[in-house]
N, C-alpha and C. Protein backbone atom coordinates (compact mmCIF):
# COMPACT_ATOMS: atom_id res chain seq x y z
N MET A 1 0.91 -1.11 0.04
CA MET A 1 0.03 -0.02 -0.01
C MET A 1 0.84 1.24 0.03
N LEU A 2 0.37 2.20 -0.73
CA LEU A 2 1.20 3.50 -0.72
C LEU A 2 1.26 4.15 0.64
N PRO A 3 2.27 4.85 0.97
CA PRO A 3 2.36 5.72 2.17
C PRO A 3 1.13 6.65 2.31
N GLN A 4 0.74 6.95 3.49
CA GLN A 4 -0.30 7.88 3.66
C GLN A 4 -0.09 9.25 3.04
N LYS A 5 1.13 9.76 2.96
CA LYS A 5 1.32 10.96 2.42
C LYS A 5 1.00 10.93 0.74
N ARG A 6 1.43 9.84 0.17
CA ARG A 6 0.99 9.76 -1.30
C ARG A 6 -0.47 9.55 -1.50
N LEU A 7 -1.17 8.84 -0.54
CA LEU A 7 -2.60 8.70 -0.70
C LEU A 7 -3.26 10.08 -0.54
N GLU A 8 -2.69 10.90 0.41
CA GLU A 8 -3.25 12.26 0.52
C GLU A 8 -3.05 13.20 -0.61
N GLN A 9 -1.90 12.97 -1.25
CA GLN A 9 -1.62 13.65 -2.50
C GLN A 9 -2.59 13.35 -3.50
N ILE A 10 -2.84 12.06 -3.65
CA ILE A 10 -3.87 11.56 -4.77
C ILE A 10 -5.19 12.36 -4.48
N GLN A 11 -5.60 12.30 -3.21
CA GLN A 11 -6.88 12.90 -2.87
C GLN A 11 -6.96 14.46 -3.09
N GLU A 12 -5.80 15.09 -2.94
CA GLU A 12 -5.73 16.46 -3.18
C GLU A 12 -5.78 16.73 -4.64
N MET A 13 -5.04 15.93 -5.47
CA MET A 13 -5.07 16.09 -6.80
C MET A 13 -6.46 15.71 -7.45
N GLU A 14 -7.13 14.75 -6.86
CA GLU A 14 -8.53 14.44 -7.28
C GLU A 14 -9.50 15.72 -7.02
N THR A 15 -9.22 16.38 -5.96
CA THR A 15 -10.05 17.56 -5.62
C THR A 15 -9.70 18.72 -6.65
N LEU A 16 -8.32 18.86 -6.92
CA LEU A 16 -7.98 19.97 -7.90
C LEU A 16 -8.54 19.68 -9.28
N LEU A 17 -8.52 18.25 -9.65
CA LEU A 17 -9.06 17.89 -11.00
C LEU A 17 -10.49 18.22 -11.09
N GLY A 18 -11.25 17.97 -10.03
CA GLY A 18 -12.70 18.40 -10.03
C GLY A 18 -12.86 19.90 -10.13
N GLN A 19 -12.15 20.53 -9.38
CA GLN A 19 -12.18 22.08 -9.48
C GLN A 19 -11.86 22.61 -10.82
N SER A 20 -10.76 21.94 -11.45
CA SER A 20 -10.31 22.48 -12.69
C SER A 20 -11.28 22.21 -13.71
N ASP A 21 -11.85 21.07 -13.84
CA ASP A 21 -12.92 20.51 -14.70
C ASP A 21 -14.21 21.53 -14.78
N ALA A 22 -14.46 21.81 -13.46
CA ALA A 22 -15.74 22.79 -13.13
C ALA A 22 -15.42 24.08 -13.76
N PHE A 23 -14.23 24.62 -13.33
CA PHE A 23 -13.90 25.99 -13.97
C PHE A 23 -13.82 26.04 -15.31
N LEU A 24 -13.03 25.15 -16.04
CA LEU A 24 -12.97 25.14 -17.41
C LEU A 24 -14.33 24.99 -18.13
N LEU A 25 -15.20 24.27 -17.61
CA LEU A 25 -16.66 24.27 -18.21
C LEU A 25 -17.35 25.70 -18.06
N GLU A 26 -17.19 26.25 -16.90
CA GLU A 26 -17.57 27.69 -16.72
C GLU A 26 -16.87 28.62 -17.74
N ALA A 27 -15.74 28.41 -17.83
CA ALA A 27 -14.81 29.39 -18.74
C ALA A 27 -15.32 29.11 -20.19
N GLU A 28 -15.60 27.92 -20.62
CA GLU A 28 -16.05 27.60 -22.00
C GLU A 28 -17.49 28.17 -22.10
N GLN A 29 -18.31 28.11 -21.20
CA GLN A 29 -19.61 28.66 -21.32
C GLN A 29 -19.53 30.26 -21.41
N PHE A 30 -18.68 30.85 -20.68
CA PHE A 30 -18.57 32.28 -20.65
C PHE A 30 -18.02 32.66 -21.99
N LEU A 31 -17.10 31.93 -22.57
CA LEU A 31 -16.53 32.24 -23.90
C LEU A 31 -17.73 32.31 -24.96
N GLU A 32 -18.52 31.20 -24.88
CA GLU A 32 -19.66 31.10 -25.87
C GLU A 32 -20.52 32.20 -25.57
N LYS A 33 -20.90 32.64 -24.41
CA LYS A 33 -21.71 33.84 -24.18
C LYS A 33 -21.17 35.06 -24.83
N TRP A 34 -19.82 35.25 -24.53
CA TRP A 34 -19.16 36.46 -25.04
C TRP A 34 -19.18 36.46 -26.49
N GLN A 35 -19.05 35.36 -27.17
CA GLN A 35 -19.00 35.36 -28.66
C GLN A 35 -20.48 35.65 -29.17
N GLN A 36 -21.51 35.21 -28.46
CA GLN A 36 -22.85 35.39 -28.81
C GLN A 36 -23.25 36.96 -28.58
N MET A 37 -22.56 37.57 -27.63
CA MET A 37 -22.78 38.97 -27.25
C MET A 37 -22.13 39.91 -28.20
N LEU A 38 -21.13 39.44 -28.99
CA LEU A 38 -20.40 40.41 -29.74
C LEU A 38 -21.20 41.21 -30.80
N PRO A 39 -22.24 40.54 -31.40
CA PRO A 39 -23.01 41.37 -32.30
C PRO A 39 -23.84 42.45 -31.68
N THR A 40 -24.27 42.18 -30.35
CA THR A 40 -25.05 43.10 -29.65
C THR A 40 -24.14 44.33 -29.21
N ILE A 41 -22.96 44.01 -28.73
CA ILE A 41 -22.14 45.12 -28.37
C ILE A 41 -21.73 45.96 -29.60
N THR A 42 -21.47 45.33 -30.81
CA THR A 42 -21.12 46.01 -31.97
C THR A 42 -22.27 46.71 -32.49
N LYS A 43 -23.49 46.37 -32.41
CA LYS A 43 -24.64 47.21 -32.71
C LYS A 43 -24.76 48.39 -31.89
N LEU A 44 -24.55 48.20 -30.70
CA LEU A 44 -24.66 49.24 -29.66
C LEU A 44 -23.64 50.36 -29.90
N GLU A 45 -22.40 49.96 -30.19
CA GLU A 45 -21.23 50.86 -30.59
C GLU A 45 -21.67 51.55 -31.92
N HIS A 46 -22.13 50.82 -32.86
CA HIS A 46 -22.51 51.48 -34.11
C HIS A 46 -23.55 52.56 -33.88
N TYR A 47 -24.60 52.29 -33.09
CA TYR A 47 -25.59 53.30 -32.76
C TYR A 47 -24.89 54.56 -32.21
N TYR A 48 -23.83 54.39 -31.28
CA TYR A 48 -23.30 55.46 -30.56
C TYR A 48 -22.37 56.20 -31.49
N PHE A 49 -21.40 55.55 -32.17
CA PHE A 49 -20.47 56.25 -33.01
C PHE A 49 -20.97 56.68 -34.46
N ASP A 50 -21.76 55.81 -35.05
CA ASP A 50 -22.06 55.98 -36.41
C ASP A 50 -23.63 56.14 -36.67
N GLY A 51 -24.31 55.89 -35.73
CA GLY A 51 -25.86 55.97 -35.98
C GLY A 51 -26.49 57.18 -35.40
N ASP A 52 -27.70 56.93 -34.84
CA ASP A 52 -28.60 58.01 -34.42
C ASP A 52 -28.41 58.49 -33.07
N TRP A 53 -27.41 58.04 -32.30
CA TRP A 53 -27.35 58.40 -30.97
C TRP A 53 -27.30 59.89 -30.69
N ARG A 54 -26.54 60.62 -31.47
CA ARG A 54 -26.31 62.12 -31.15
C ARG A 54 -27.79 62.72 -31.29
N GLN A 55 -28.44 62.36 -32.35
CA GLN A 55 -29.70 62.96 -32.59
C GLN A 55 -30.76 62.57 -31.49
N ASP A 56 -30.64 61.34 -31.05
CA ASP A 56 -31.56 60.88 -30.08
C ASP A 56 -31.15 61.57 -28.68
N TYR A 57 -29.91 61.85 -28.46
CA TYR A 57 -29.49 62.56 -27.35
C TYR A 57 -30.02 63.93 -27.34
N GLN A 58 -29.84 64.61 -28.49
CA GLN A 58 -30.38 66.09 -28.62
C GLN A 58 -31.94 66.03 -28.35
N ALA A 59 -32.53 65.15 -28.92
CA ALA A 59 -34.07 64.96 -28.67
C ALA A 59 -34.30 64.85 -27.21
N TYR A 60 -33.60 64.06 -26.59
CA TYR A 60 -33.74 63.88 -25.09
C TYR A 60 -33.62 65.26 -24.34
N GLU A 61 -32.35 65.84 -24.70
CA GLU A 61 -32.19 67.19 -24.10
C GLU A 61 -33.19 68.18 -24.33
N GLN A 62 -33.94 68.12 -25.46
CA GLN A 62 -35.00 69.08 -25.78
C GLN A 62 -36.34 68.66 -25.29
N GLY A 63 -36.41 67.51 -24.59
CA GLY A 63 -37.70 67.12 -23.90
C GLY A 63 -38.57 66.33 -24.98
N GLU A 64 -38.09 65.85 -26.04
CA GLU A 64 -38.79 65.16 -27.09
C GLU A 64 -39.15 63.70 -26.81
N ILE A 65 -38.54 63.16 -25.76
CA ILE A 65 -38.73 61.83 -25.29
C ILE A 65 -39.54 61.77 -23.99
N PRO A 66 -40.51 60.93 -24.05
CA PRO A 66 -41.23 60.86 -22.87
C PRO A 66 -40.50 60.66 -21.46
N GLU A 67 -40.88 61.33 -20.42
CA GLU A 67 -40.06 61.37 -19.24
C GLU A 67 -40.03 59.99 -18.63
N GLU A 68 -41.11 59.18 -18.74
CA GLU A 68 -41.12 57.85 -18.12
C GLU A 68 -40.26 56.74 -18.93
N MET A 69 -39.90 57.16 -20.12
CA MET A 69 -39.11 56.24 -20.92
C MET A 69 -37.71 56.12 -20.46
N PRO A 70 -37.17 54.94 -20.14
CA PRO A 70 -35.82 54.72 -19.76
C PRO A 70 -34.85 55.08 -20.86
N CYS A 71 -33.90 55.96 -20.50
CA CYS A 71 -33.05 56.43 -21.62
C CYS A 71 -31.60 56.38 -21.08
N GLY A 72 -31.22 55.44 -20.25
CA GLY A 72 -29.80 55.25 -19.86
C GLY A 72 -28.84 55.19 -21.04
N VAL A 73 -29.33 54.66 -22.18
CA VAL A 73 -28.52 54.60 -23.36
C VAL A 73 -28.06 55.96 -23.87
N LEU A 74 -28.79 56.99 -23.47
CA LEU A 74 -28.48 58.25 -23.96
C LEU A 74 -27.54 59.09 -23.05
N THR A 75 -26.94 58.53 -21.97
CA THR A 75 -26.00 59.10 -21.19
C THR A 75 -24.76 59.06 -22.06
N GLU A 76 -23.86 60.00 -21.78
CA GLU A 76 -22.73 60.25 -22.68
C GLU A 76 -21.71 59.17 -22.50
N ASP A 77 -21.58 58.45 -21.48
CA ASP A 77 -20.58 57.48 -21.35
C ASP A 77 -21.03 56.00 -21.31
N ALA A 78 -22.23 55.73 -21.17
CA ALA A 78 -22.67 54.33 -20.95
C ALA A 78 -22.18 53.36 -22.08
N ILE A 79 -22.56 53.79 -23.24
CA ILE A 79 -22.18 52.83 -24.34
C ILE A 79 -20.59 52.82 -24.61
N PHE A 80 -20.00 54.07 -24.51
CA PHE A 80 -18.58 54.09 -24.62
C PHE A 80 -17.78 53.11 -23.58
N ASP A 81 -18.40 53.24 -22.32
CA ASP A 81 -17.78 52.41 -21.23
C ASP A 81 -17.99 50.88 -21.61
N VAL A 82 -19.01 50.51 -22.20
CA VAL A 82 -19.20 49.11 -22.55
C VAL A 82 -18.14 48.69 -23.41
N GLY A 83 -17.78 49.50 -24.48
CA GLY A 83 -16.70 49.08 -25.30
C GLY A 83 -15.35 49.13 -24.79
N VAL A 84 -15.14 50.18 -23.85
CA VAL A 84 -13.79 50.20 -23.21
C VAL A 84 -13.66 48.93 -22.18
N THR A 85 -14.68 48.60 -21.56
CA THR A 85 -14.75 47.46 -20.73
C THR A 85 -14.40 46.19 -21.39
N GLN A 86 -15.12 46.02 -22.58
CA GLN A 86 -14.86 44.79 -23.33
C GLN A 86 -13.31 44.64 -23.95
N ARG A 87 -12.84 45.89 -24.38
CA ARG A 87 -11.46 45.85 -24.75
C ARG A 87 -10.56 45.58 -23.74
N SER A 88 -10.77 46.09 -22.57
CA SER A 88 -9.88 45.94 -21.41
C SER A 88 -9.97 44.41 -20.98
N LEU A 89 -11.23 43.81 -20.91
CA LEU A 89 -11.17 42.44 -20.71
C LEU A 89 -10.48 41.57 -21.75
N ALA A 90 -10.69 41.93 -22.99
CA ALA A 90 -9.96 41.19 -24.01
C ALA A 90 -8.42 41.30 -23.86
N ILE A 91 -7.96 42.44 -23.63
CA ILE A 91 -6.51 42.48 -23.24
C ILE A 91 -5.98 41.72 -22.15
N SER A 92 -6.94 41.63 -21.02
CA SER A 92 -6.69 40.84 -19.78
C SER A 92 -6.59 39.37 -20.19
N TYR A 93 -7.55 38.96 -21.06
CA TYR A 93 -7.57 37.73 -21.41
C TYR A 93 -6.43 37.19 -22.41
N LEU A 94 -6.00 38.21 -23.30
CA LEU A 94 -4.88 37.94 -24.09
C LEU A 94 -3.64 37.71 -23.36
N LYS A 95 -3.44 38.51 -22.22
CA LYS A 95 -2.33 38.39 -21.35
C LYS A 95 -2.33 37.07 -20.61
N LEU A 96 -3.55 36.59 -20.24
CA LEU A 96 -3.63 35.36 -19.56
C LEU A 96 -3.35 34.22 -20.50
N VAL A 97 -3.87 34.29 -21.67
CA VAL A 97 -3.58 33.27 -22.73
C VAL A 97 -2.16 33.09 -22.97
N ALA A 98 -1.38 34.33 -23.02
CA ALA A 98 -0.07 34.31 -23.45
C ALA A 98 0.76 33.64 -22.26
N LYS A 99 0.37 33.92 -21.05
CA LYS A 99 0.99 33.31 -19.82
C LYS A 99 0.74 31.80 -19.94
N ILE A 100 -0.47 31.40 -20.14
CA ILE A 100 -0.75 29.96 -20.16
C ILE A 100 0.05 29.23 -21.33
N LEU A 101 0.11 29.92 -22.42
CA LEU A 101 0.87 29.20 -23.61
C LEU A 101 2.33 29.18 -23.34
N ASP A 102 2.76 30.22 -22.62
CA ASP A 102 4.11 30.42 -22.41
C ASP A 102 4.75 29.51 -21.13
N THR A 103 3.77 28.92 -20.42
CA THR A 103 4.19 27.99 -19.45
C THR A 103 4.64 26.73 -19.92
N PRO A 104 6.03 26.26 -19.64
CA PRO A 104 6.44 25.11 -20.08
C PRO A 104 5.78 23.98 -19.50
N LYS A 105 5.72 22.94 -20.36
CA LYS A 105 4.94 21.55 -19.93
C LYS A 105 6.02 20.58 -19.76
């Protein structure tokens, strides 16, 4: 029979394997969600930078939009912040991926 220390190591590695499998499943699901979300974020950024956002913002400022209508999208930074956050996350992910790929096996 293996020494107790080795048996404990096997138990620890079994736990780590379970945690790793669960985490990687979550990471894969998140990646899929992000990929599905890309067209939405792209559409939102198009509205802000190349679309009708400026005219809608001016209409809001002039009181042409009902007061009870939610208009958070017309704040000056909300859409911009979404794009900045996405790019920042992408950079962080790239750095993590580079670190993972650079780790010798």
